[in-house]
Amino acid sequence: RPPFGTEEGSLPYSKPTQLFTPLGW
């Protein structure tokens, strides 16, 4: 749901694992 998504200004997250940094996860 907004504000997540691929549109300009949206948050570029789509799953909970992105709460972490890539190395951290």
mmCIF file of all heavy atoms, coordinates in Angstrom:
data_MODEL
# 
_entry.id   MODEL 
# 
loop_
_atom_site.group_PDB 
_atom_site.id 
_atom_site.type_symbol 
_atom_site.label_atom_id 
_atom_site.label_alt_id 
_atom_site.label_comp_id 
_atom_site.label_asym_id 
_atom_site.label_entity_id 
_atom_site.label_seq_id 
_atom_site.pdbx_PDB_ins_code 
_atom_site.Cartn_x 
_atom_site.Cartn_y 
_atom_site.Cartn_z 
_atom_site.occupancy 
_atom_site.B_iso_or_equiv 
_atom_site.pdbx_formal_charge 
_atom_site.auth_seq_id 
_atom_site.auth_comp_id 
_atom_site.auth_asym_id 
_atom_site.auth_atom_id 
_atom_site.pdbx_PDB_model_num 
ATOM 1   N N   . ARG A 1 1  ? 0.843  -1.197  0.000   1.00 0.00 ? 1  ARG A N   1 
ATOM 2   C CA  . ARG A 1 1  ? 0.000  0.000   0.000   1.00 0.00 ? 1  ARG A CA  1 
ATOM 3   C C   . ARG A 1 1  ? 0.878  1.248   0.000   1.00 0.00 ? 1  ARG A C   1 
ATOM 4   O O   . ARG A 1 1  ? 2.061  1.188   0.377   1.00 0.00 ? 1  ARG A O   1 
ATOM 5   C CB  . ARG A 1 1  ? -0.908 0.024   1.234   1.00 0.00 ? 1  ARG A CB  1 
ATOM 6   C CG  . ARG A 1 1  ? -1.771 -1.234  1.419   1.00 0.00 ? 1  ARG A CG  1 
ATOM 7   C CD  . ARG A 1 1  ? -2.541 -1.169  2.722   1.00 0.00 ? 1  ARG A CD  1 
ATOM 8   N NE  . ARG A 1 1  ? -3.236 -2.414  3.016   1.00 0.00 ? 1  ARG A NE  1 
ATOM 9   C CZ  . ARG A 1 1  ? -4.440 -2.734  2.591   1.00 0.00 ? 1  ARG A CZ  1 
ATOM 10  N NH1 . ARG A 1 1  ? -5.102 -1.863  1.830   1.00 0.00 ? 1  ARG A NH1 1 
ATOM 11  N NH2 . ARG A 1 1  ? -5.011 -3.877  2.916   1.00 0.00 ? 1  ARG A NH2 1 
ATOM 12  N N   . PRO A 1 2  ? 0.336  2.416   -0.420  1.00 0.00 ? 2  PRO A N   1 
ATOM 13  C CA  . PRO A 1 2  ? 1.092  3.663   -0.312  1.00 0.00 ? 2  PRO A CA  1 
ATOM 14  C C   . PRO A 1 2  ? 1.440  3.913   1.165   1.00 0.00 ? 2  PRO A C   1 
ATOM 15  O O   . PRO A 1 2  ? 0.661  3.520   2.047   1.00 0.00 ? 2  PRO A O   1 
ATOM 16  C CB  . PRO A 1 2  ? 0.114  4.718   -0.834  1.00 0.00 ? 2  PRO A CB  1 
ATOM 17  C CG  . PRO A 1 2  ? -0.854 3.954   -1.675  1.00 0.00 ? 2  PRO A CG  1 
ATOM 18  C CD  . PRO A 1 2  ? -0.983 2.612   -1.031  1.00 0.00 ? 2  PRO A CD  1 
ATOM 19  N N   . PRO A 1 3  ? 2.614  4.497   1.453   1.00 0.00 ? 3  PRO A N   1 
ATOM 20  C CA  . PRO A 1 3  ? 3.541  5.152   0.525   1.00 0.00 ? 3  PRO A CA  1 
ATOM 21  C C   . PRO A 1 3  ? 4.591  4.231   -0.078  1.00 0.00 ? 3  PRO A C   1 
ATOM 22  O O   . PRO A 1 3  ? 5.618  4.715   -0.559  1.00 0.00 ? 3  PRO A O   1 
ATOM 23  C CB  . PRO A 1 3  ? 4.205  6.198   1.430   1.00 0.00 ? 3  PRO A CB  1 
ATOM 24  C CG  . PRO A 1 3  ? 4.262  5.526   2.759   1.00 0.00 ? 3  PRO A CG  1 
ATOM 25  C CD  . PRO A 1 3  ? 3.004  4.716   2.854   1.00 0.00 ? 3  PRO A CD  1 
ATOM 26  N N   . PHE A 1 4  ? 4.386  2.908   -0.045  1.00 0.00 ? 4  PHE A N   1 
ATOM 27  C CA  . PHE A 1 4  ? 5.332  1.998   -0.669  1.00 0.00 ? 4  PHE A CA  1 
ATOM 28  C C   . PHE A 1 4  ? 4.992  1.853   -2.146  1.00 0.00 ? 4  PHE A C   1 
ATOM 29  O O   . PHE A 1 4  ? 3.828  1.927   -2.538  1.00 0.00 ? 4  PHE A O   1 
ATOM 30  C CB  . PHE A 1 4  ? 5.284  0.633   0.012   1.00 0.00 ? 4  PHE A CB  1 
ATOM 31  C CG  . PHE A 1 4  ? 5.654  0.673   1.468   1.00 0.00 ? 4  PHE A CG  1 
ATOM 32  C CD1 . PHE A 1 4  ? 4.660  0.727   2.432   1.00 0.00 ? 4  PHE A CD1 1 
ATOM 33  C CD2 . PHE A 1 4  ? 6.970  0.685   1.871   1.00 0.00 ? 4  PHE A CD2 1 
ATOM 34  C CE1 . PHE A 1 4  ? 4.974  0.769   3.785   1.00 0.00 ? 4  PHE A CE1 1 
ATOM 35  C CE2 . PHE A 1 4  ? 7.302  0.723   3.210   1.00 0.00 ? 4  PHE A CE2 1 
ATOM 36  C CZ  . PHE A 1 4  ? 6.308  0.776   4.167   1.00 0.00 ? 4  PHE A CZ  1 
ATOM 37  N N   . GLY A 1 5  ? 6.000  1.623   -2.973  1.00 0.00 ? 5  GLY A N   1 
ATOM 38  C CA  . GLY A 1 5  ? 5.765  1.438   -4.398  1.00 0.00 ? 5  GLY A CA  1 
ATOM 39  C C   . GLY A 1 5  ? 6.961  1.858   -5.214  1.00 0.00 ? 5  GLY A C   1 
ATOM 40  O O   . GLY A 1 5  ? 8.029  2.195   -4.684  1.00 0.00 ? 5  GLY A O   1 
ATOM 41  N N   . THR A 1 6  ? 6.776  1.866   -6.523  1.00 0.00 ? 6  THR A N   1 
ATOM 42  C CA  . THR A 1 6  ? 7.869  2.205   -7.440  1.00 0.00 ? 6  THR A CA  1 
ATOM 43  C C   . THR A 1 6  ? 7.738  3.614   -8.007  1.00 0.00 ? 6  THR A C   1 
ATOM 44  O O   . THR A 1 6  ? 8.619  4.074   -8.732  1.00 0.00 ? 6  THR A O   1 
ATOM 45  C CB  . THR A 1 6  ? 7.901  1.195   -8.609  1.00 0.00 ? 6  THR A CB  1 
ATOM 46  O OG1 . THR A 1 6  ? 6.620  1.192   -9.265  1.00 0.00 ? 6  THR A OG1 1 
ATOM 47  C CG2 . THR A 1 6  ? 8.202  -0.209  -8.085  1.00 0.00 ? 6  THR A CG2 1 
ATOM 48  N N   . GLU A 1 7  ? 6.628  4.287   -7.678  1.00 0.00 ? 7  GLU A N   1 
ATOM 49  C CA  . GLU A 1 7  ? 6.438  5.636   -8.202  1.00 0.00 ? 7  GLU A CA  1 
ATOM 50  C C   . GLU A 1 7  ? 7.411  6.609   -7.531  1.00 0.00 ? 7  GLU A C   1 
ATOM 51  O O   . GLU A 1 7  ? 7.912  6.362   -6.435  1.00 0.00 ? 7  GLU A O   1 
ATOM 52  C CB  . GLU A 1 7  ? 5.001  6.093   -7.970  1.00 0.00 ? 7  GLU A CB  1 
ATOM 53  C CG  . GLU A 1 7  ? 3.962  5.227   -8.675  1.00 0.00 ? 7  GLU A CG  1 
ATOM 54  C CD  . GLU A 1 7  ? 2.549  5.696   -8.375  1.00 0.00 ? 7  GLU A CD  1 
ATOM 55  O OE1 . GLU A 1 7  ? 2.406  6.709   -7.659  1.00 0.00 ? 7  GLU A OE1 1 
ATOM 56  O OE2 . GLU A 1 7  ? 1.603  5.050   -8.843  1.00 0.00 ? 7  GLU A OE2 1 
ATOM 57  N N   . GLU A 1 8  ? 7.638  7.728   -8.201  1.00 0.00 ? 8  GLU A N   1 
ATOM 58  C CA  . GLU A 1 8  ? 8.563  8.724   -7.678  1.00 0.00 ? 8  GLU A CA  1 
ATOM 59  C C   . GLU A 1 8  ? 8.050  9.256   -6.335  1.00 0.00 ? 8  GLU A C   1 
ATOM 60  O O   . GLU A 1 8  ? 6.891  9.595   -6.174  1.00 0.00 ? 8  GLU A O   1 
ATOM 61  C CB  . GLU A 1 8  ? 8.699  9.882   -8.676  1.00 0.00 ? 8  GLU A CB  1 
ATOM 62  C CG  . GLU A 1 8  ? 9.746  10.904  -8.257  1.00 0.00 ? 8  GLU A CG  1 
ATOM 63  C CD  . GLU A 1 8  ? 9.918  11.999  -9.285  1.00 0.00 ? 8  GLU A CD  1 
ATOM 64  O OE1 . GLU A 1 8  ? 9.326  11.878  -10.379 1.00 0.00 ? 8  GLU A OE1 1 
ATOM 65  O OE2 . GLU A 1 8  ? 10.630 12.975  -8.995  1.00 0.00 ? 8  GLU A OE2 1 
ATOM 66  N N   . GLY A 1 9  ? 8.951  9.295   -5.361  1.00 0.00 ? 9  GLY A N   1 
ATOM 67  C CA  . GLY A 1 9  ? 8.582  9.767   -4.036  1.00 0.00 ? 9  GLY A CA  1 
ATOM 68  C C   . GLY A 1 9  ? 8.091  8.685   -3.096  1.00 0.00 ? 9  GLY A C   1 
ATOM 69  O O   . GLY A 1 9  ? 7.933  8.919   -1.899  1.00 0.00 ? 9  GLY A O   1 
ATOM 70  N N   . SER A 1 10 ? 7.839  7.485   -3.630  1.00 0.00 ? 10 SER A N   1 
ATOM 71  C CA  . SER A 1 10 ? 7.373  6.384   -2.794  1.00 0.00 ? 10 SER A CA  1 
ATOM 72  C C   . SER A 1 10 ? 8.554  5.704   -2.116  1.00 0.00 ? 10 SER A C   1 
ATOM 73  O O   . SER A 1 10 ? 9.706  5.822   -2.547  1.00 0.00 ? 10 SER A O   1 
ATOM 74  C CB  . SER A 1 10 ? 6.610  5.357   -3.627  1.00 0.00 ? 10 SER A CB  1 
ATOM 75  O OG  . SER A 1 10 ? 5.454  5.934   -4.200  1.00 0.00 ? 10 SER A OG  1 
ATOM 76  N N   . LEU A 1 11 ? 8.282  4.982   -1.048  1.00 0.00 ? 11 LEU A N   1 
ATOM 77  C CA  . LEU A 1 11 ? 9.324  4.233   -0.359  1.00 0.00 ? 11 LEU A CA  1 
ATOM 78  C C   . LEU A 1 11 ? 9.662  2.976   -1.160  1.00 0.00 ? 11 LEU A C   1 
ATOM 79  O O   . LEU A 1 11 ? 8.769  2.189   -1.471  1.00 0.00 ? 11 LEU A O   1 
ATOM 80  C CB  . LEU A 1 11 ? 8.856  3.846   1.042   1.00 0.00 ? 11 LEU A CB  1 
ATOM 81  C CG  . LEU A 1 11 ? 8.772  4.989   2.067   1.00 0.00 ? 11 LEU A CG  1 
ATOM 82  C CD1 . LEU A 1 11 ? 8.091  4.508   3.331   1.00 0.00 ? 11 LEU A CD1 1 
ATOM 83  C CD2 . LEU A 1 11 ? 10.152 5.535   2.387   1.00 0.00 ? 11 LEU A CD2 1 
ATOM 84  N N   . PRO A 1 12 ? 10.922 2.762   -1.485  1.00 0.00 ? 12 PRO A N   1 
ATOM 85  C CA  . PRO A 1 12 ? 11.303 1.623   -2.340  1.00 0.00 ? 12 PRO A CA  1 
ATOM 86  C C   . PRO A 1 12 ? 11.468 0.326   -1.559  1.00 0.00 ? 12 PRO A C   1 
ATOM 87  O O   . PRO A 1 12 ? 12.485 -0.354  -1.649  1.00 0.00 ? 12 PRO A O   1 
ATOM 88  C CB  . PRO A 1 12 ? 12.636 2.093   -2.923  1.00 0.00 ? 12 PRO A CB  1 
ATOM 89  C CG  . PRO A 1 12 ? 13.241 2.923   -1.842  1.00 0.00 ? 12 PRO A CG  1 
ATOM 90  C CD  . PRO A 1 12 ? 12.084 3.614   -1.159  1.00 0.00 ? 12 PRO A CD  1 
ATOM 91  N N   . TYR A 1 13 ? 10.471 -0.033  -0.781  1.00 0.00 ? 13 TYR A N   1 
ATOM 92  C CA  . TYR A 1 13 ? 10.529 -1.271  -0.009  1.00 0.00 ? 13 TYR A CA  1 
ATOM 93  C C   . TYR A 1 13 ? 9.307  -2.104  -0.350  1.00 0.00 ? 13 TYR A C   1 
ATOM 94  O O   . TYR A 1 13 ? 8.224  -1.583  -0.554  1.00 0.00 ? 13 TYR A O   1 
ATOM 95  C CB  . TYR A 1 13 ? 10.554 -0.986  1.493   1.00 0.00 ? 13 TYR A CB  1 
ATOM 96  C CG  . TYR A 1 13 ? 11.683 -0.076  1.926   1.00 0.00 ? 13 TYR A CG  1 
ATOM 97  C CD1 . TYR A 1 13 ? 11.449 1.268   2.223   1.00 0.00 ? 13 TYR A CD1 1 
ATOM 98  C CD2 . TYR A 1 13 ? 12.980 -0.559  2.035   1.00 0.00 ? 13 TYR A CD2 1 
ATOM 99  C CE1 . TYR A 1 13 ? 12.479 2.108   2.627   1.00 0.00 ? 13 TYR A CE1 1 
ATOM 100 C CE2 . TYR A 1 13 ? 14.023 0.274   2.435   1.00 0.00 ? 13 TYR A CE2 1 
ATOM 101 C CZ  . TYR A 1 13 ? 13.763 1.608   2.724   1.00 0.00 ? 13 TYR A CZ  1 
ATOM 102 O OH  . TYR A 1 13 ? 14.785 2.419   3.100   1.00 0.00 ? 13 TYR A OH  1 
ATOM 103 N N   . SER A 1 14 ? 9.493  -3.417  -0.365  1.00 0.00 ? 14 SER A N   1 
ATOM 104 C CA  . SER A 1 14 ? 8.374  -4.292  -0.716  1.00 0.00 ? 14 SER A CA  1 
ATOM 105 C C   . SER A 1 14 ? 8.238  -5.496  0.206   1.00 0.00 ? 14 SER A C   1 
ATOM 106 O O   . SER A 1 14 ? 7.294  -6.263  0.072   1.00 0.00 ? 14 SER A O   1 
ATOM 107 C CB  . SER A 1 14 ? 8.527  -4.787  -2.158  1.00 0.00 ? 14 SER A CB  1 
ATOM 108 O OG  . SER A 1 14 ? 9.751  -5.508  -2.307  1.00 0.00 ? 14 SER A OG  1 
ATOM 109 N N   . LYS A 1 15 ? 9.173  -5.655  1.147   1.00 0.00 ? 15 LYS A N   1 
ATOM 110 C CA  . LYS A 1 15 ? 9.117  -6.806  2.041   1.00 0.00 ? 15 LYS A CA  1 
ATOM 111 C C   . LYS A 1 15 ? 9.824  -6.477  3.358   1.00 0.00 ? 15 LYS A C   1 
ATOM 112 O O   . LYS A 1 15 ? 10.705 -5.614  3.404   1.00 0.00 ? 15 LYS A O   1 
ATOM 113 C CB  . LYS A 1 15 ? 9.753  -8.035  1.390   1.00 0.00 ? 15 LYS A CB  1 
ATOM 114 C CG  . LYS A 1 15 ? 11.137 -7.793  0.816   1.00 0.00 ? 15 LYS A CG  1 
ATOM 115 C CD  . LYS A 1 15 ? 11.611 -8.993  0.016   1.00 0.00 ? 15 LYS A CD  1 
ATOM 116 C CE  . LYS A 1 15 ? 12.980 -8.716  -0.617  1.00 0.00 ? 15 LYS A CE  1 
ATOM 117 N NZ  . LYS A 1 15 ? 13.445 -9.862  -1.415  1.00 0.00 ? 15 LYS A NZ  1 
ATOM 118 N N   . PRO A 1 16 ? 9.461  -7.165  4.431   1.00 0.00 ? 16 PRO A N   1 
ATOM 119 C CA  . PRO A 1 16 ? 10.003 -6.851  5.753   1.00 0.00 ? 16 PRO A CA  1 
ATOM 120 C C   . PRO A 1 16 ? 11.514 -7.010  5.874   1.00 0.00 ? 16 PRO A C   1 
ATOM 121 O O   . PRO A 1 16 ? 12.129 -6.343  6.698   1.00 0.00 ? 16 PRO A O   1 
ATOM 122 C CB  . PRO A 1 16 ? 9.271  -7.847  6.667   1.00 0.00 ? 16 PRO A CB  1 
ATOM 123 C CG  . PRO A 1 16 ? 8.015  -8.184  5.952   1.00 0.00 ? 16 PRO A CG  1 
ATOM 124 C CD  . PRO A 1 16 ? 8.368  -8.157  4.504   1.00 0.00 ? 16 PRO A CD  1 
ATOM 125 N N   . THR A 1 17 ? 12.135 -7.888  5.077   1.00 0.00 ? 17 THR A N   1 
ATOM 126 C CA  . THR A 1 17 ? 13.583 -8.077  5.199   1.00 0.00 ? 17 THR A CA  1 
ATOM 127 C C   . THR A 1 17 ? 14.339 -6.804  4.849   1.00 0.00 ? 17 THR A C   1 
ATOM 128 O O   . THR A 1 17 ? 15.501 -6.647  5.233   1.00 0.00 ? 17 THR A O   1 
ATOM 129 C CB  . THR A 1 17 ? 14.063 -9.211  4.285   1.00 0.00 ? 17 THR A CB  1 
ATOM 130 O OG1 . THR A 1 17 ? 13.632 -8.955  2.939   1.00 0.00 ? 17 THR A OG1 1 
ATOM 131 C CG2 . THR A 1 17 ? 13.502 -10.553 4.733   1.00 0.00 ? 17 THR A CG2 1 
ATOM 132 N N   . GLN A 1 18 ? 13.687 -5.891  4.141   1.00 0.00 ? 18 GLN A N   1 
ATOM 133 C CA  . GLN A 1 18 ? 14.343 -4.640  3.783   1.00 0.00 ? 18 GLN A CA  1 
ATOM 134 C C   . GLN A 1 18 ? 14.384 -3.654  4.945   1.00 0.00 ? 18 GLN A C   1 
ATOM 135 O O   . GLN A 1 18 ? 14.904 -2.546  4.805   1.00 0.00 ? 18 GLN A O   1 
ATOM 136 C CB  . GLN A 1 18 ? 13.640 -4.014  2.572   1.00 0.00 ? 18 GLN A CB  1 
ATOM 137 C CG  . GLN A 1 18 ? 13.826 -4.828  1.295   1.00 0.00 ? 18 GLN A CG  1 
ATOM 138 C CD  . GLN A 1 18 ? 13.001 -4.293  0.137   1.00 0.00 ? 18 GLN A CD  1 
ATOM 139 O OE1 . GLN A 1 18 ? 11.842 -3.920  0.310   1.00 0.00 ? 18 GLN A OE1 1 
ATOM 140 N NE2 . GLN A 1 18 ? 13.594 -4.281  -1.046  1.00 0.00 ? 18 GLN A NE2 1 
ATOM 141 N N   . LEU A 1 19 ? 13.827 -4.073  6.104   1.00 0.00 ? 19 LEU A N   1 
ATOM 142 C CA  . LEU A 1 19 ? 14.004 -3.272  7.312   1.00 0.00 ? 19 LEU A CA  1 
ATOM 143 C C   . LEU A 1 19 ? 15.476 -3.268  7.719   1.00 0.00 ? 19 LEU A C   1 
ATOM 144 O O   . LEU A 1 19 ? 15.927 -2.381  8.439   1.00 0.00 ? 19 LEU A O   1 
ATOM 145 C CB  . LEU A 1 19 ? 13.158 -3.835  8.461   1.00 0.00 ? 19 LEU A CB  1 
ATOM 146 C CG  . LEU A 1 19 ? 11.635 -3.790  8.297   1.00 0.00 ? 19 LEU A CG  1 
ATOM 147 C CD1 . LEU A 1 19 ? 10.974 -4.555  9.424   1.00 0.00 ? 19 LEU A CD1 1 
ATOM 148 C CD2 . LEU A 1 19 ? 11.142 -2.366  8.258   1.00 0.00 ? 19 LEU A CD2 1 
ATOM 149 N N   . PHE A 1 20 ? 16.224 -4.279  7.259   1.00 0.00 ? 20 PHE A N   1 
ATOM 150 C CA  . PHE A 1 20 ? 17.631 -4.410  7.587   1.00 0.00 ? 20 PHE A CA  1 
ATOM 151 C C   . PHE A 1 20 ? 18.481 -3.965  6.395   1.00 0.00 ? 20 PHE A C   1 
ATOM 152 O O   . PHE A 1 20 ? 17.998 -3.894  5.262   1.00 0.00 ? 20 PHE A O   1 
ATOM 153 C CB  . PHE A 1 20 ? 17.971 -5.865  7.926   1.00 0.00 ? 20 PHE A CB  1 
ATOM 154 C CG  . PHE A 1 20 ? 17.062 -6.479  8.949   1.00 0.00 ? 20 PHE A CG  1 
ATOM 155 C CD1 . PHE A 1 20 ? 15.921 -7.169  8.557   1.00 0.00 ? 20 PHE A CD1 1 
ATOM 156 C CD2 . PHE A 1 20 ? 17.335 -6.362  10.301  1.00 0.00 ? 20 PHE A CD2 1 
ATOM 157 C CE1 . PHE A 1 20 ? 15.080 -7.740  9.496   1.00 0.00 ? 20 PHE A CE1 1 
ATOM 158 C CE2 . PHE A 1 20 ? 16.496 -6.926  11.246  1.00 0.00 ? 20 PHE A CE2 1 
ATOM 159 C CZ  . PHE A 1 20 ? 15.370 -7.617  10.853  1.00 0.00 ? 20 PHE A CZ  1 
ATOM 160 N N   . THR A 1 21 ? 19.751 -3.682  6.662   1.00 0.00 ? 21 THR A N   1 
ATOM 161 C CA  . THR A 1 21 ? 20.675 -3.442  5.557   1.00 0.00 ? 21 THR A CA  1 
ATOM 162 C C   . THR A 1 21 ? 20.929 -4.777  4.856   1.00 0.00 ? 21 THR A C   1 
ATOM 163 O O   . THR A 1 21 ? 20.791 -5.844  5.460   1.00 0.00 ? 21 THR A O   1 
ATOM 164 C CB  . THR A 1 21 ? 22.006 -2.871  6.072   1.00 0.00 ? 21 THR A CB  1 
ATOM 165 O OG1 . THR A 1 21 ? 22.592 -3.824  6.965   1.00 0.00 ? 21 THR A OG1 1 
ATOM 166 C CG2 . THR A 1 21 ? 21.788 -1.557  6.809   1.00 0.00 ? 21 THR A CG2 1 
ATOM 167 N N   . PRO A 1 22 ? 21.305 -4.772  3.551   1.00 0.00 ? 22 PRO A N   1 
ATOM 168 C CA  . PRO A 1 22 ? 21.541 -6.039  2.845   1.00 0.00 ? 22 PRO A CA  1 
ATOM 169 C C   . PRO A 1 22 ? 22.561 -6.928  3.554   1.00 0.00 ? 22 PRO A C   1 
ATOM 170 O O   . PRO A 1 22 ? 22.347 -8.135  3.702   1.00 0.00 ? 22 PRO A O   1 
ATOM 171 C CB  . PRO A 1 22 ? 22.044 -5.582  1.471   1.00 0.00 ? 22 PRO A CB  1 
ATOM 172 C CG  . PRO A 1 22 ? 21.425 -4.234  1.279   1.00 0.00 ? 22 PRO A CG  1 
ATOM 173 C CD  . PRO A 1 22 ? 21.418 -3.607  2.651   1.00 0.00 ? 22 PRO A CD  1 
ATOM 174 N N   . LEU A 1 23 ? 23.676 -6.349  4.008   1.00 0.00 ? 23 LEU A N   1 
ATOM 175 C CA  . LEU A 1 23 ? 24.688 -7.138  4.709   1.00 0.00 ? 23 LEU A CA  1 
ATOM 176 C C   . LEU A 1 23 ? 24.148 -7.646  6.033   1.00 0.00 ? 23 LEU A C   1 
ATOM 177 O O   . LEU A 1 23 ? 24.370 -8.794  6.423   1.00 0.00 ? 23 LEU A O   1 
ATOM 178 C CB  . LEU A 1 23 ? 25.947 -6.294  4.938   1.00 0.00 ? 23 LEU A CB  1 
ATOM 179 C CG  . LEU A 1 23 ? 27.081 -6.984  5.724   1.00 0.00 ? 23 LEU A CG  1 
ATOM 180 C CD1 . LEU A 1 23 ? 27.543 -8.234  4.987   1.00 0.00 ? 23 LEU A CD1 1 
ATOM 181 C CD2 . LEU A 1 23 ? 28.239 -6.012  5.944   1.00 0.00 ? 23 LEU A CD2 1 
ATOM 182 N N   . GLY A 1 24 ? 23.397 -6.768  6.731   1.00 0.00 ? 24 GLY A N   1 
ATOM 183 C CA  . GLY A 1 24 ? 22.835 -7.160  8.019   1.00 0.00 ? 24 GLY A CA  1 
ATOM 184 C C   . GLY A 1 24 ? 21.894 -8.341  7.887   1.00 0.00 ? 24 GLY A C   1 
ATOM 185 O O   . GLY A 1 24 ? 21.968 -9.297  8.673   1.00 0.00 ? 24 GLY A O   1 
ATOM 186 N N   . TRP A 1 25 ? 21.008 -8.318  6.890   1.00 0.00 ? 25 TRP A N   1 
ATOM 187 C CA  . TRP A 1 25 ? 20.076 -9.422  6.728   1.00 0.00 ? 25 TRP A CA  1 
ATOM 188 C C   . TRP A 1 25 ? 20.794 -10.698 6.302   1.00 0.00 ? 25 TRP A C   1 
ATOM 189 O O   . TRP A 1 25 ? 20.422 -11.789 6.716   1.00 0.00 ? 25 TRP A O   1 
ATOM 190 C CB  . TRP A 1 25 ? 18.984 -9.083  5.723   1.00 0.00 ? 25 TRP A CB  1 
ATOM 191 C CG  . TRP A 1 25 ? 18.072 -10.256 5.472   1.00 0.00 ? 25 TRP A CG  1 
ATOM 192 C CD1 . TRP A 1 25 ? 17.915 -10.967 4.329   1.00 0.00 ? 25 TRP A CD1 1 
ATOM 193 C CD2 . TRP A 1 25 ? 17.233 -10.889 6.433   1.00 0.00 ? 25 TRP A CD2 1 
ATOM 194 N NE1 . TRP A 1 25 ? 17.029 -11.992 4.509   1.00 0.00 ? 25 TRP A NE1 1 
ATOM 195 C CE2 . TRP A 1 25 ? 16.590 -11.964 5.803   1.00 0.00 ? 25 TRP A CE2 1 
ATOM 196 C CE3 . TRP A 1 25 ? 16.957 -10.645 7.781   1.00 0.00 ? 25 TRP A CE3 1 
ATOM 197 C CZ2 . TRP A 1 25 ? 15.693 -12.798 6.456   1.00 0.00 ? 25 TRP A CZ2 1 
ATOM 198 C CZ3 . TRP A 1 25 ? 16.066 -11.468 8.441   1.00 0.00 ? 25 TRP A CZ3 1 
ATOM 199 C CH2 . TRP A 1 25 ? 15.435 -12.534 7.771   1.00 0.00 ? 25 TRP A CH2 1 
# 
